[in-house]
């Protein structure tokens, strides 16, 4: 079954990453590369979202509102979406639990089953 793993962080994490040294940034990147290598056979797609965050919020009856930063209603920033193949929600959650950014306060991951219409 397919699940979507949504990765979130807050502005403090983004600011800390931007302020960190190039070596510390590379260490963070290497941890994520290792995670993708470990679970590569269970990843069927996904994308990191562009940085810095810039979004267009569109509501019924109005045009788009372009904003810099997180979505209008939240302080959290959606960092990316990863499509996982797993036998159950629990198995997908176990993979997501090892996401390297979860060692930072304010980061979290949400795992959502993909809806399949028959």
N, C-alpha and C. Protein backbone atom coordinates (compact mmCIF):
# COMPACT_ATOMS: atom_id res chain seq x y z
N UNK A 1 0.84 -1.16 0.00
CA UNK A 1 0.00 0.00 0.00
C UNK A 1 0.90 1.24 0.00
N UNK A 2 0.39 2.31 -0.57
CA UNK A 2 1.18 3.53 -0.63
C UNK A 2 0.74 4.54 0.43
N UNK A 3 1.75 5.20 1.02
CA UNK A 3 1.54 6.22 2.04
C UNK A 3 2.32 7.46 1.64
N UNK A 4 1.83 8.62 2.03
CA UNK A 4 2.56 9.86 1.84
C UNK A 4 3.13 10.29 3.18
N UNK A 5 4.40 10.57 3.19
CA UNK A 5 5.09 11.06 4.38
C UNK A 5 5.31 12.55 4.18
N UNK A 6 4.70 13.35 5.03
CA UNK A 6 4.82 14.80 4.95
C UNK A 6 5.80 15.24 6.03
N UNK A 7 6.84 15.96 5.64
CA UNK A 7 7.85 16.39 6.61
C UNK A 7 7.65 17.87 6.93
N UNK A 8 7.64 18.18 8.21
CA UNK A 8 7.40 19.55 8.67
C UNK A 8 8.52 20.00 9.61
N UNK A 9 8.74 21.29 9.62
CA UNK A 9 9.64 21.91 10.59
C UNK A 9 9.14 23.32 10.85
N UNK A 10 9.72 23.97 11.84
CA UNK A 10 9.29 25.35 12.11
C UNK A 10 10.38 26.33 11.72
N UNK A 11 10.07 27.60 11.78
CA UNK A 11 10.99 28.64 11.32
C UNK A 11 12.30 28.63 12.10
N UNK A 12 12.26 28.28 13.38
CA UNK A 12 13.48 28.24 14.19
C UNK A 12 14.47 27.22 13.63
N UNK A 13 13.96 26.08 13.16
CA UNK A 13 14.83 25.07 12.56
C UNK A 13 15.43 25.60 11.27
N UNK A 14 14.61 26.25 10.46
CA UNK A 14 15.10 26.82 9.20
C UNK A 14 16.17 27.87 9.46
N UNK A 15 15.93 28.74 10.44
CA UNK A 15 16.89 29.78 10.76
C UNK A 15 18.21 29.18 11.28
N UNK A 16 18.11 28.16 12.12
CA UNK A 16 19.31 27.52 12.66
C UNK A 16 20.11 26.86 11.54
N UNK A 17 19.43 26.22 10.61
CA UNK A 17 20.13 25.58 9.49
C UNK A 17 20.86 26.64 8.65
N UNK A 18 20.17 27.72 8.34
CA UNK A 18 20.77 28.79 7.54
C UNK A 18 21.97 29.41 8.24
N UNK A 19 21.94 29.48 9.58
CA UNK A 19 23.02 30.09 10.34
C UNK A 19 24.17 29.12 10.62
N UNK A 20 23.96 27.83 10.38
CA UNK A 20 24.98 26.84 10.70
C UNK A 20 26.12 26.88 9.68
N UNK A 21 27.22 26.26 10.05
CA UNK A 21 28.38 26.22 9.17
C UNK A 21 28.11 25.30 7.98
N UNK A 22 28.90 25.45 6.95
CA UNK A 22 28.77 24.59 5.78
C UNK A 22 28.99 23.12 6.15
N UNK A 23 29.92 22.88 7.07
CA UNK A 23 30.19 21.50 7.52
C UNK A 23 28.98 20.91 8.23
N UNK A 24 28.33 21.72 9.09
CA UNK A 24 27.13 21.23 9.80
C UNK A 24 25.97 21.01 8.82
N UNK A 25 25.84 21.88 7.83
CA UNK A 25 24.81 21.68 6.81
C UNK A 25 25.06 20.39 6.04
N UNK A 26 26.33 20.14 5.70
CA UNK A 26 26.66 18.91 4.96
C UNK A 26 26.38 17.67 5.80
N UNK A 27 26.65 17.74 7.11
CA UNK A 27 26.34 16.62 8.00
C UNK A 27 24.85 16.32 7.97
N UNK A 28 24.03 17.36 8.02
CA UNK A 28 22.57 17.19 7.96
C UNK A 28 22.16 16.56 6.61
N UNK A 29 22.72 17.05 5.55
CA UNK A 29 22.42 16.50 4.22
C UNK A 29 22.83 15.03 4.16
N UNK A 30 24.01 14.70 4.68
CA UNK A 30 24.49 13.32 4.66
C UNK A 30 23.57 12.38 5.43
N UNK A 31 23.01 12.85 6.56
CA UNK A 31 22.08 12.03 7.33
C UNK A 31 20.82 11.72 6.51
N UNK A 32 20.34 12.70 5.76
CA UNK A 32 19.16 12.49 4.94
C UNK A 32 19.47 11.57 3.74
N UNK A 33 20.63 11.74 3.15
CA UNK A 33 21.04 10.86 2.05
C UNK A 33 21.11 9.41 2.54
N UNK A 34 21.64 9.21 3.74
CA UNK A 34 21.73 7.86 4.31
C UNK A 34 20.34 7.27 4.55
N UNK A 35 19.40 8.10 5.03
CA UNK A 35 18.02 7.64 5.24
C UNK A 35 17.41 7.20 3.91
N UNK A 36 17.57 8.00 2.88
CA UNK A 36 17.03 7.65 1.56
C UNK A 36 17.68 6.38 1.02
N UNK A 37 18.97 6.19 1.27
CA UNK A 37 19.66 4.98 0.83
C UNK A 37 19.11 3.75 1.57
N UNK A 38 18.86 3.90 2.87
CA UNK A 38 18.35 2.79 3.68
C UNK A 38 16.96 2.35 3.22
N UNK A 39 16.09 3.31 2.89
CA UNK A 39 14.71 2.99 2.55
C UNK A 39 14.39 3.17 1.06
N UNK A 40 15.40 3.29 0.24
CA UNK A 40 15.21 3.56 -1.18
C UNK A 40 14.29 2.59 -1.89
N UNK A 41 14.33 1.31 -1.52
CA UNK A 41 13.46 0.33 -2.18
C UNK A 41 12.00 0.48 -1.78
N UNK A 42 11.71 1.27 -0.76
CA UNK A 42 10.33 1.49 -0.32
C UNK A 42 9.85 2.91 -0.65
N UNK A 43 10.67 3.68 -1.33
CA UNK A 43 10.29 5.04 -1.72
C UNK A 43 9.96 5.03 -3.20
N UNK A 44 8.73 5.44 -3.51
CA UNK A 44 8.30 5.43 -4.91
C UNK A 44 8.18 6.83 -5.51
N UNK A 45 8.53 7.84 -4.75
CA UNK A 45 8.49 9.20 -5.27
C UNK A 45 8.53 10.21 -4.16
N UNK A 46 8.48 11.46 -4.55
CA UNK A 46 8.46 12.54 -3.58
C UNK A 46 9.33 13.69 -4.02
N UNK A 47 9.21 14.78 -3.28
CA UNK A 47 9.97 15.98 -3.61
C UNK A 47 10.18 16.83 -2.37
N UNK A 48 11.36 17.43 -2.30
CA UNK A 48 11.60 18.49 -1.33
C UNK A 48 11.02 19.76 -1.93
N UNK A 49 10.42 20.58 -1.11
CA UNK A 49 9.84 21.82 -1.62
C UNK A 49 10.90 22.91 -1.66
N UNK A 50 10.69 23.88 -2.52
CA UNK A 50 11.68 24.94 -2.77
C UNK A 50 11.96 25.76 -1.53
N UNK A 51 13.17 26.27 -1.48
CA UNK A 51 13.61 27.12 -0.39
C UNK A 51 14.11 28.41 -0.96
N UNK A 52 13.82 29.58 -0.47
CA UNK A 52 12.92 29.83 0.66
C UNK A 52 11.47 29.59 0.27
N UNK A 53 10.67 29.37 1.28
CA UNK A 53 9.26 29.04 1.03
C UNK A 53 8.51 30.25 0.49
N UNK A 54 7.82 30.02 -0.59
CA UNK A 54 6.94 31.05 -1.15
C UNK A 54 5.72 30.31 -1.66
N UNK A 55 4.56 30.70 -1.23
CA UNK A 55 3.35 29.96 -1.54
C UNK A 55 2.27 30.85 -2.13
N UNK A 56 1.32 30.23 -2.78
CA UNK A 56 0.13 30.92 -3.26
C UNK A 56 -1.06 30.24 -2.60
N UNK A 57 -1.79 30.98 -1.79
CA UNK A 57 -2.99 30.46 -1.13
C UNK A 57 -4.20 30.92 -1.93
N UNK A 58 -5.04 29.98 -2.30
CA UNK A 58 -6.21 30.31 -3.12
C UNK A 58 -7.45 29.84 -2.37
N UNK A 59 -8.36 30.74 -2.15
CA UNK A 59 -9.61 30.46 -1.43
C UNK A 59 -10.77 30.58 -2.41
N UNK A 60 -11.84 29.90 -2.10
CA UNK A 60 -13.04 30.01 -2.93
C UNK A 60 -13.47 31.46 -2.98
N UNK A 61 -13.74 31.95 -4.18
CA UNK A 61 -14.24 33.31 -4.34
C UNK A 61 -13.18 34.39 -4.32
N UNK A 62 -11.90 34.01 -4.29
CA UNK A 62 -10.85 35.03 -4.31
C UNK A 62 -9.69 34.56 -5.16
N UNK A 63 -8.86 35.49 -5.53
CA UNK A 63 -7.67 35.16 -6.30
C UNK A 63 -6.55 34.70 -5.39
N UNK A 64 -5.42 34.37 -5.98
CA UNK A 64 -4.29 33.90 -5.18
C UNK A 64 -3.67 35.01 -4.35
N UNK A 65 -3.17 34.64 -3.19
CA UNK A 65 -2.42 35.55 -2.33
C UNK A 65 -1.02 34.95 -2.21
N UNK A 66 -0.02 35.65 -2.71
CA UNK A 66 1.35 35.16 -2.66
C UNK A 66 1.96 35.59 -1.33
N UNK A 67 2.55 34.63 -0.61
CA UNK A 67 3.15 34.93 0.67
C UNK A 67 4.57 34.38 0.72
N UNK A 68 5.41 34.99 1.51
CA UNK A 68 6.73 34.45 1.81
C UNK A 68 6.62 33.76 3.15
N UNK A 69 7.10 32.54 3.23
CA UNK A 69 7.09 31.85 4.50
C UNK A 69 6.04 30.76 4.52
N UNK A 70 5.72 30.27 5.71
CA UNK A 70 4.78 29.15 5.85
C UNK A 70 3.39 29.51 5.34
N UNK A 71 2.60 28.49 5.22
CA UNK A 71 1.22 28.69 4.81
C UNK A 71 0.52 29.64 5.77
N UNK A 72 -0.50 30.30 5.30
CA UNK A 72 -1.13 31.38 6.05
C UNK A 72 -1.57 31.00 7.46
N UNK A 73 -2.16 29.83 7.64
CA UNK A 73 -2.75 29.47 8.93
C UNK A 73 -1.78 28.79 9.88
N UNK A 74 -0.57 28.48 9.46
CA UNK A 74 0.30 27.67 10.31
C UNK A 74 1.64 28.34 10.54
N UNK A 75 2.31 27.89 11.59
CA UNK A 75 3.69 28.30 11.83
C UNK A 75 4.63 27.24 11.28
N UNK A 76 4.12 26.05 11.02
CA UNK A 76 4.94 24.97 10.51
C UNK A 76 5.17 25.16 9.01
N UNK A 77 6.30 24.64 8.56
CA UNK A 77 6.63 24.71 7.14
C UNK A 77 6.66 23.29 6.60
N UNK A 78 5.92 23.04 5.54
CA UNK A 78 5.95 21.74 4.88
C UNK A 78 7.24 21.69 4.07
N UNK A 79 8.11 20.77 4.45
CA UNK A 79 9.42 20.68 3.82
C UNK A 79 9.46 19.78 2.61
N UNK A 80 8.61 18.76 2.60
CA UNK A 80 8.61 17.84 1.48
C UNK A 80 7.57 16.77 1.62
N UNK A 81 7.42 16.02 0.54
CA UNK A 81 6.46 14.92 0.48
C UNK A 81 7.20 13.71 -0.08
N UNK A 82 7.08 12.57 0.59
CA UNK A 82 7.75 11.34 0.17
C UNK A 82 6.69 10.25 0.06
N UNK A 83 6.64 9.57 -1.07
CA UNK A 83 5.72 8.46 -1.26
C UNK A 83 6.41 7.17 -0.82
N UNK A 84 5.80 6.48 0.14
CA UNK A 84 6.35 5.25 0.69
C UNK A 84 5.48 4.06 0.32
N UNK A 85 6.11 2.93 0.11
CA UNK A 85 5.41 1.66 -0.04
C UNK A 85 5.62 0.87 1.25
N UNK A 86 4.52 0.45 1.88
CA UNK A 86 4.61 -0.32 3.12
C UNK A 86 3.38 -1.21 3.25
N UNK A 87 3.52 -2.26 4.05
CA UNK A 87 2.42 -3.21 4.23
C UNK A 87 1.30 -2.67 5.11
N UNK A 88 1.61 -1.70 5.96
CA UNK A 88 0.61 -1.17 6.88
C UNK A 88 0.99 0.25 7.29
N UNK A 89 0.04 0.94 7.91
CA UNK A 89 0.32 2.27 8.44
C UNK A 89 1.42 2.19 9.49
N UNK A 90 1.39 1.15 10.29
CA UNK A 90 2.40 0.99 11.33
C UNK A 90 3.79 0.81 10.73
N UNK A 91 3.89 0.06 9.64
CA UNK A 91 5.18 -0.12 8.98
C UNK A 91 5.67 1.19 8.35
N UNK A 92 4.77 1.94 7.75
CA UNK A 92 5.14 3.25 7.19
C UNK A 92 5.56 4.21 8.29
N UNK A 93 4.86 4.18 9.42
CA UNK A 93 5.21 5.05 10.55
C UNK A 93 6.58 4.68 11.12
N UNK A 94 6.92 3.39 11.12
CA UNK A 94 8.23 2.96 11.61
C UNK A 94 9.35 3.52 10.73
N UNK A 95 9.12 3.56 9.43
CA UNK A 95 10.10 4.17 8.51
C UNK A 95 10.20 5.66 8.79
N UNK A 96 9.06 6.32 8.89
CA UNK A 96 9.03 7.76 9.12
C UNK A 96 9.66 8.14 10.45
N UNK A 97 9.56 7.27 11.43
CA UNK A 97 10.10 7.55 12.76
C UNK A 97 11.61 7.74 12.72
N UNK A 98 12.27 7.23 11.69
CA UNK A 98 13.72 7.36 11.57
C UNK A 98 14.13 8.58 10.73
N UNK A 99 13.19 9.44 10.35
CA UNK A 99 13.52 10.64 9.58
C UNK A 99 14.55 11.45 10.36
N UNK A 100 15.69 11.77 9.75
CA UNK A 100 16.78 12.41 10.48
C UNK A 100 16.43 13.73 11.15
N UNK A 101 15.55 14.52 10.60
CA UNK A 101 15.24 15.83 11.17
C UNK A 101 14.44 15.76 12.46
N UNK A 102 13.94 14.57 12.82
CA UNK A 102 13.13 14.45 14.03
C UNK A 102 13.92 14.66 15.31
N UNK A 103 15.24 14.78 15.19
CA UNK A 103 16.05 15.06 16.38
C UNK A 103 16.01 16.54 16.75
N UNK A 104 15.29 17.34 15.97
CA UNK A 104 15.22 18.78 16.22
C UNK A 104 13.85 19.15 16.78
N UNK A 105 13.84 19.92 17.87
CA UNK A 105 12.55 20.35 18.43
C UNK A 105 11.75 21.14 17.38
N UNK A 106 10.48 20.85 17.26
CA UNK A 106 9.64 21.55 16.30
C UNK A 106 9.49 20.82 14.98
N UNK A 107 10.27 19.77 14.75
CA UNK A 107 10.13 18.99 13.52
C UNK A 107 9.18 17.83 13.76
N UNK A 108 8.39 17.50 12.75
CA UNK A 108 7.55 16.31 12.85
C UNK A 108 7.24 15.79 11.45
N UNK A 109 6.75 14.56 11.43
CA UNK A 109 6.40 13.88 10.20
C UNK A 109 4.99 13.36 10.34
N UNK A 110 4.23 13.47 9.28
CA UNK A 110 2.87 12.93 9.25
C UNK A 110 2.83 11.87 8.15
N UNK A 111 2.23 10.72 8.44
CA UNK A 111 2.09 9.64 7.46
C UNK A 111 0.60 9.47 7.17
N UNK A 112 0.26 9.56 5.88
CA UNK A 112 -1.14 9.52 5.46
C UNK A 112 -1.31 8.44 4.39
N UNK A 113 -2.26 7.52 4.57
CA UNK A 113 -2.51 6.53 3.52
C UNK A 113 -2.99 7.21 2.23
N UNK A 114 -2.52 6.71 1.12
CA UNK A 114 -2.99 7.22 -0.17
C UNK A 114 -4.37 6.65 -0.43
N UNK A 115 -5.29 7.50 -0.84
CA UNK A 115 -6.64 7.05 -1.16
C UNK A 115 -6.64 6.47 -2.58
N UNK A 116 -7.12 5.26 -2.68
CA UNK A 116 -7.18 4.59 -3.98
C UNK A 116 -8.64 4.34 -4.30
N UNK A 117 -9.07 4.86 -5.43
CA UNK A 117 -10.45 4.61 -5.89
C UNK A 117 -10.46 3.40 -6.79
N UNK A 118 -11.45 2.58 -6.61
CA UNK A 118 -11.56 1.37 -7.43
C UNK A 118 -12.61 1.55 -8.50
